[in-house]
Amino acid sequence: MARTHQTPEFEIEVAGEPYVWRLQRRPGWSSDTAGWRGMAIAVRHREGQREAVIEFPPGKQPRFGAPELKPSQIAPGLIAKAIASAVAAGWEPLSRGKTVAIVVDETGA
C-alpha cells in the first residue's frame, strides 16, 4: 500500500479567530523565476474553505549543507502578523472562491 505524504497543519488564533496553516513552500532555488524564492505558507480559517497563500521574500541563501527549514522553526508571531496582513489586504477567509496569493515583507506586514 502506498503511503501518502501529508504536510502537518498547525493551529493559531489571530484576533480571536481560529486559523490553520501549513508550510506550502520552503525557501529555495527556482528555475521559473531564475533565482532564489522565499517560503510560502497556506492559511485557512478553521471553519472556512478559502485558502490564502502568503509569500515571504527570499532573504539570504543558506550555506551549503544547512538543514531545511521546518515548520516548527517558524515563529508563531510571524505567522499571526502575516495572517492579519492578509485579512487587512482584503482576504475574506469565510467566503468561497479561489485561493488568494498575498506577498508580505520579511516581518509579515
N, C-alpha and C. Protein backbone atom coordinates (compact mmCIF):
# COMPACT_ATOMS: atom_id res chain seq x y z
N MET A 1 0.83 -1.16 0.00
CA MET A 1 0.00 0.00 0.00
C MET A 1 0.89 1.24 0.00
N ALA A 2 0.55 2.19 -0.80
CA ALA A 2 1.35 3.41 -0.92
C ALA A 2 1.08 4.34 0.25
N ARG A 3 2.13 4.98 0.70
CA ARG A 3 2.00 5.95 1.77
C ARG A 3 1.76 7.32 1.16
N THR A 4 0.92 8.10 1.77
CA THR A 4 0.70 9.46 1.31
C THR A 4 1.44 10.41 2.23
N HIS A 5 2.10 11.37 1.65
CA HIS A 5 2.85 12.35 2.42
C HIS A 5 1.92 13.51 2.74
N GLN A 6 1.66 13.72 4.01
CA GLN A 6 0.80 14.82 4.41
C GLN A 6 1.62 15.84 5.16
N THR A 7 1.45 17.09 4.78
CA THR A 7 2.14 18.17 5.46
C THR A 7 1.41 18.48 6.75
N PRO A 8 2.12 18.58 7.86
CA PRO A 8 1.44 18.86 9.13
C PRO A 8 0.82 20.26 9.13
N GLU A 9 -0.35 20.35 9.74
CA GLU A 9 -1.03 21.63 9.87
C GLU A 9 -0.95 22.08 11.32
N PHE A 10 -0.88 23.38 11.52
CA PHE A 10 -0.76 23.96 12.84
C PHE A 10 -1.89 24.95 13.07
N GLU A 11 -2.39 24.98 14.29
CA GLU A 11 -3.47 25.91 14.62
C GLU A 11 -2.89 27.15 15.26
N ILE A 12 -3.54 28.29 14.97
CA ILE A 12 -3.13 29.57 15.56
C ILE A 12 -4.36 30.44 15.65
N GLU A 13 -4.40 31.29 16.66
CA GLU A 13 -5.52 32.20 16.83
C GLU A 13 -5.04 33.62 16.56
N VAL A 14 -5.76 34.31 15.68
CA VAL A 14 -5.41 35.69 15.32
C VAL A 14 -6.68 36.53 15.48
N ALA A 15 -6.60 37.56 16.30
CA ALA A 15 -7.73 38.46 16.56
C ALA A 15 -8.97 37.68 16.99
N GLY A 16 -8.78 36.65 17.79
CA GLY A 16 -9.88 35.86 18.31
C GLY A 16 -10.47 34.84 17.34
N GLU A 17 -9.89 34.72 16.15
CA GLU A 17 -10.39 33.78 15.14
C GLU A 17 -9.41 32.61 14.98
N PRO A 18 -9.92 31.38 14.88
CA PRO A 18 -9.03 30.22 14.73
C PRO A 18 -8.63 29.98 13.27
N TYR A 19 -7.35 29.81 13.02
CA TYR A 19 -6.83 29.54 11.68
C TYR A 19 -5.98 28.28 11.71
N VAL A 20 -5.83 27.67 10.56
CA VAL A 20 -4.97 26.51 10.38
C VAL A 20 -3.97 26.87 9.28
N TRP A 21 -2.68 26.62 9.51
CA TRP A 21 -1.67 26.94 8.49
C TRP A 21 -0.72 25.76 8.31
N ARG A 22 -0.07 25.76 7.14
CA ARG A 22 0.95 24.76 6.84
C ARG A 22 2.02 25.42 5.97
N LEU A 23 3.20 24.84 6.00
CA LEU A 23 4.29 25.33 5.16
C LEU A 23 4.04 24.85 3.73
N GLN A 24 3.75 25.76 2.83
CA GLN A 24 3.44 25.43 1.44
C GLN A 24 4.72 25.23 0.62
N ARG A 25 5.70 26.13 0.84
CA ARG A 25 6.94 26.06 0.07
C ARG A 25 8.11 26.52 0.94
N ARG A 26 9.15 25.72 0.93
CA ARG A 26 10.38 26.10 1.64
C ARG A 26 11.17 27.07 0.77
N PRO A 27 12.04 27.88 1.38
CA PRO A 27 12.90 28.75 0.58
C PRO A 27 13.80 27.89 -0.30
N GLY A 28 14.02 28.30 -1.52
CA GLY A 28 14.87 27.51 -2.40
C GLY A 28 15.05 28.13 -3.76
N TRP A 29 15.89 27.49 -4.53
CA TRP A 29 16.19 27.94 -5.88
C TRP A 29 15.05 27.57 -6.80
N SER A 30 14.70 28.46 -7.71
CA SER A 30 13.64 28.19 -8.67
C SER A 30 14.12 28.55 -10.06
N SER A 31 14.01 27.62 -10.98
CA SER A 31 14.37 27.92 -12.36
C SER A 31 13.28 28.74 -13.04
N ASP A 32 12.06 28.70 -12.49
CA ASP A 32 10.97 29.50 -13.06
C ASP A 32 11.27 30.99 -12.97
N THR A 33 11.71 31.42 -11.80
CA THR A 33 12.00 32.83 -11.60
C THR A 33 13.48 33.15 -11.78
N ALA A 34 14.26 32.14 -12.10
CA ALA A 34 15.71 32.28 -12.28
C ALA A 34 16.34 32.93 -11.05
N GLY A 35 15.96 32.44 -9.90
CA GLY A 35 16.55 32.98 -8.69
C GLY A 35 16.02 32.32 -7.44
N TRP A 36 16.40 32.87 -6.33
CA TRP A 36 16.03 32.36 -5.02
C TRP A 36 14.61 32.80 -4.68
N ARG A 37 13.80 31.89 -4.15
CA ARG A 37 12.42 32.22 -3.73
C ARG A 37 12.29 32.00 -2.24
N GLY A 38 11.45 32.80 -1.63
CA GLY A 38 11.22 32.69 -0.19
C GLY A 38 10.18 31.64 0.14
N MET A 39 9.95 31.46 1.43
CA MET A 39 8.95 30.47 1.86
C MET A 39 7.55 31.01 1.60
N ALA A 40 6.60 30.09 1.59
CA ALA A 40 5.19 30.44 1.46
C ALA A 40 4.40 29.54 2.41
N ILE A 41 3.38 30.14 3.03
CA ILE A 41 2.52 29.35 3.90
C ILE A 41 1.09 29.40 3.35
N ALA A 42 0.36 28.33 3.54
CA ALA A 42 -1.05 28.27 3.16
C ALA A 42 -1.87 28.37 4.44
N VAL A 43 -2.87 29.24 4.43
CA VAL A 43 -3.67 29.52 5.61
C VAL A 43 -5.14 29.43 5.26
N ARG A 44 -5.93 28.92 6.19
CA ARG A 44 -7.39 28.95 6.05
C ARG A 44 -8.01 29.08 7.43
N HIS A 45 -9.21 29.63 7.45
CA HIS A 45 -9.97 29.71 8.70
C HIS A 45 -10.41 28.29 9.05
N ARG A 46 -10.46 27.96 10.32
CA ARG A 46 -10.80 26.59 10.71
C ARG A 46 -12.18 26.18 10.19
N GLU A 47 -13.14 27.11 10.16
CA GLU A 47 -14.47 26.78 9.65
C GLU A 47 -14.64 27.10 8.17
N GLY A 48 -13.66 27.71 7.56
CA GLY A 48 -13.76 28.11 6.16
C GLY A 48 -13.04 27.16 5.22
N GLN A 49 -13.23 27.40 3.93
CA GLN A 49 -12.58 26.58 2.91
C GLN A 49 -11.59 27.38 2.07
N ARG A 50 -11.77 28.70 2.00
CA ARG A 50 -10.93 29.51 1.12
C ARG A 50 -9.55 29.71 1.73
N GLU A 51 -8.55 29.38 0.96
CA GLU A 51 -7.17 29.50 1.43
C GLU A 51 -6.52 30.77 0.90
N ALA A 52 -5.50 31.17 1.61
CA ALA A 52 -4.61 32.23 1.16
C ALA A 52 -3.20 31.66 1.22
N VAL A 53 -2.44 31.92 0.17
CA VAL A 53 -1.02 31.55 0.17
C VAL A 53 -0.25 32.83 0.41
N ILE A 54 0.44 32.89 1.52
CA ILE A 54 1.20 34.08 1.91
C ILE A 54 2.66 33.83 1.58
N GLU A 55 3.20 34.67 0.70
CA GLU A 55 4.59 34.51 0.24
C GLU A 55 5.49 35.53 0.92
N PHE A 56 6.62 35.06 1.37
CA PHE A 56 7.63 35.90 2.01
C PHE A 56 8.78 36.14 1.04
N PRO A 57 9.54 37.23 1.23
CA PRO A 57 10.68 37.49 0.34
C PRO A 57 11.78 36.46 0.55
N PRO A 58 12.69 36.33 -0.43
CA PRO A 58 13.70 35.28 -0.38
C PRO A 58 14.64 35.32 0.82
N GLY A 59 15.08 36.47 1.24
CA GLY A 59 16.06 36.51 2.32
C GLY A 59 17.41 36.02 1.82
N LYS A 60 18.33 35.79 2.75
CA LYS A 60 19.65 35.34 2.32
C LYS A 60 19.67 33.83 2.09
N GLN A 61 20.51 33.40 1.20
CA GLN A 61 20.62 31.97 0.89
C GLN A 61 21.35 31.26 2.02
N PRO A 62 20.86 30.09 2.42
CA PRO A 62 21.56 29.34 3.46
C PRO A 62 22.87 28.77 2.93
N ARG A 63 23.78 28.50 3.82
CA ARG A 63 25.05 27.94 3.38
C ARG A 63 24.83 26.50 2.90
N PHE A 64 25.74 26.03 2.10
CA PHE A 64 25.63 24.69 1.53
C PHE A 64 25.61 23.65 2.64
N GLY A 65 24.67 22.73 2.58
CA GLY A 65 24.57 21.66 3.56
C GLY A 65 23.77 22.02 4.80
N ALA A 66 23.22 23.23 4.85
CA ALA A 66 22.42 23.63 6.01
C ALA A 66 21.11 22.83 6.03
N PRO A 67 20.58 22.52 7.20
CA PRO A 67 19.32 21.76 7.27
C PRO A 67 18.16 22.58 6.70
N GLU A 68 17.15 21.87 6.19
CA GLU A 68 15.98 22.54 5.62
C GLU A 68 15.14 23.18 6.72
N LEU A 69 14.40 24.20 6.33
CA LEU A 69 13.50 24.88 7.25
C LEU A 69 12.37 23.94 7.64
N LYS A 70 12.08 23.89 8.93
CA LYS A 70 10.97 23.07 9.43
C LYS A 70 9.88 24.02 9.91
N PRO A 71 8.61 23.62 9.76
CA PRO A 71 7.52 24.49 10.20
C PRO A 71 7.62 24.87 11.68
N SER A 72 8.13 23.98 12.50
CA SER A 72 8.23 24.28 13.93
C SER A 72 9.27 25.38 14.23
N GLN A 73 10.12 25.69 13.25
CA GLN A 73 11.13 26.74 13.44
C GLN A 73 10.59 28.14 13.12
N ILE A 74 9.39 28.21 12.56
CA ILE A 74 8.81 29.50 12.18
C ILE A 74 8.11 30.08 13.40
N ALA A 75 8.41 31.33 13.71
CA ALA A 75 7.85 31.98 14.89
C ALA A 75 6.34 32.18 14.75
N PRO A 76 5.56 31.79 15.76
CA PRO A 76 4.11 31.99 15.70
C PRO A 76 3.73 33.46 15.53
N GLY A 77 4.52 34.37 16.08
CA GLY A 77 4.24 35.80 15.92
C GLY A 77 4.33 36.24 14.47
N LEU A 78 5.27 35.68 13.73
CA LEU A 78 5.41 35.98 12.30
C LEU A 78 4.20 35.49 11.53
N ILE A 79 3.73 34.29 11.85
CA ILE A 79 2.56 33.72 11.18
C ILE A 79 1.32 34.56 11.49
N ALA A 80 1.15 34.93 12.76
CA ALA A 80 -0.01 35.73 13.17
C ALA A 80 -0.02 37.08 12.47
N LYS A 81 1.13 37.71 12.38
CA LYS A 81 1.21 39.02 11.72
C LYS A 81 0.93 38.89 10.23
N ALA A 82 1.41 37.83 9.60
CA ALA A 82 1.17 37.61 8.17
C ALA A 82 -0.32 37.36 7.90
N ILE A 83 -0.98 36.61 8.77
CA ILE A 83 -2.42 36.36 8.61
C ILE A 83 -3.20 37.66 8.77
N ALA A 84 -2.83 38.46 9.78
CA ALA A 84 -3.51 39.75 9.98
C ALA A 84 -3.30 40.65 8.76
N SER A 85 -2.11 40.62 8.17
CA SER A 85 -1.83 41.41 6.97
C SER A 85 -2.67 40.93 5.79
N ALA A 86 -2.85 39.62 5.67
CA ALA A 86 -3.66 39.07 4.57
C ALA A 86 -5.11 39.51 4.70
N VAL A 87 -5.64 39.48 5.91
CA VAL A 87 -7.03 39.92 6.14
C VAL A 87 -7.15 41.42 5.84
N ALA A 88 -6.15 42.20 6.27
CA ALA A 88 -6.16 43.64 6.01
C ALA A 88 -6.06 43.94 4.51
N ALA A 89 -5.40 43.05 3.76
CA ALA A 89 -5.24 43.25 2.32
C ALA A 89 -6.48 42.85 1.53
N GLY A 90 -7.50 42.31 2.23
CA GLY A 90 -8.74 42.01 1.54
C GLY A 90 -9.12 40.54 1.47
N TRP A 91 -8.31 39.65 2.02
CA TRP A 91 -8.66 38.24 2.03
C TRP A 91 -9.84 38.02 2.97
N GLU A 92 -10.88 37.38 2.47
CA GLU A 92 -12.05 37.07 3.28
C GLU A 92 -12.06 35.55 3.53
N PRO A 93 -11.55 35.11 4.68
CA PRO A 93 -11.36 33.68 4.91
C PRO A 93 -12.63 32.86 4.96
N LEU A 94 -13.77 33.45 5.27
CA LEU A 94 -15.00 32.68 5.36
C LEU A 94 -15.82 32.72 4.07
N SER A 95 -15.31 33.42 3.04
CA SER A 95 -16.01 33.45 1.77
C SER A 95 -15.60 32.24 0.93
N ARG A 96 -16.28 32.06 -0.19
CA ARG A 96 -15.93 30.98 -1.11
C ARG A 96 -15.16 31.58 -2.27
N GLY A 97 -14.36 30.76 -2.93
CA GLY A 97 -13.64 31.24 -4.09
C GLY A 97 -12.27 30.63 -4.21
N LYS A 98 -11.53 31.16 -5.17
CA LYS A 98 -10.18 30.65 -5.43
C LYS A 98 -9.21 31.05 -4.33
N THR A 99 -8.11 30.33 -4.31
CA THR A 99 -7.03 30.65 -3.38
C THR A 99 -6.45 32.01 -3.74
N VAL A 100 -6.16 32.80 -2.73
CA VAL A 100 -5.62 34.15 -2.91
C VAL A 100 -4.13 34.12 -2.59
N ALA A 101 -3.32 34.75 -3.42
CA ALA A 101 -1.88 34.86 -3.15
C ALA A 101 -1.59 36.26 -2.66
N ILE A 102 -0.90 36.36 -1.53
CA ILE A 102 -0.58 37.64 -0.92
C ILE A 102 0.91 37.65 -0.60
N VAL A 103 1.57 38.73 -0.96
CA VAL A 103 3.01 38.87 -0.71
C VAL A 103 3.20 39.82 0.47
N VAL A 104 4.00 39.40 1.44
CA VAL A 104 4.31 40.23 2.60
C VAL A 104 5.81 40.44 2.67
N ASP A 105 6.25 41.33 3.57
CA ASP A 105 7.69 41.52 3.75
C ASP A 105 8.22 40.52 4.76
N GLU A 106 9.50 40.60 5.09
CA GLU A 106 10.11 39.60 5.97
C GLU A 106 9.57 39.63 7.40
N THR A 107 8.88 40.72 7.78
CA THR A 107 8.30 40.79 9.11
C THR A 107 6.84 40.31 9.12
N GLY A 108 6.28 40.01 7.95
CA GLY A 108 4.90 39.56 7.87
C GLY A 108 3.91 40.68 7.64
N ALA A 109 4.39 41.89 7.52
CA ALA A 109 3.49 43.04 7.33
C ALA A 109 3.17 43.26 5.86
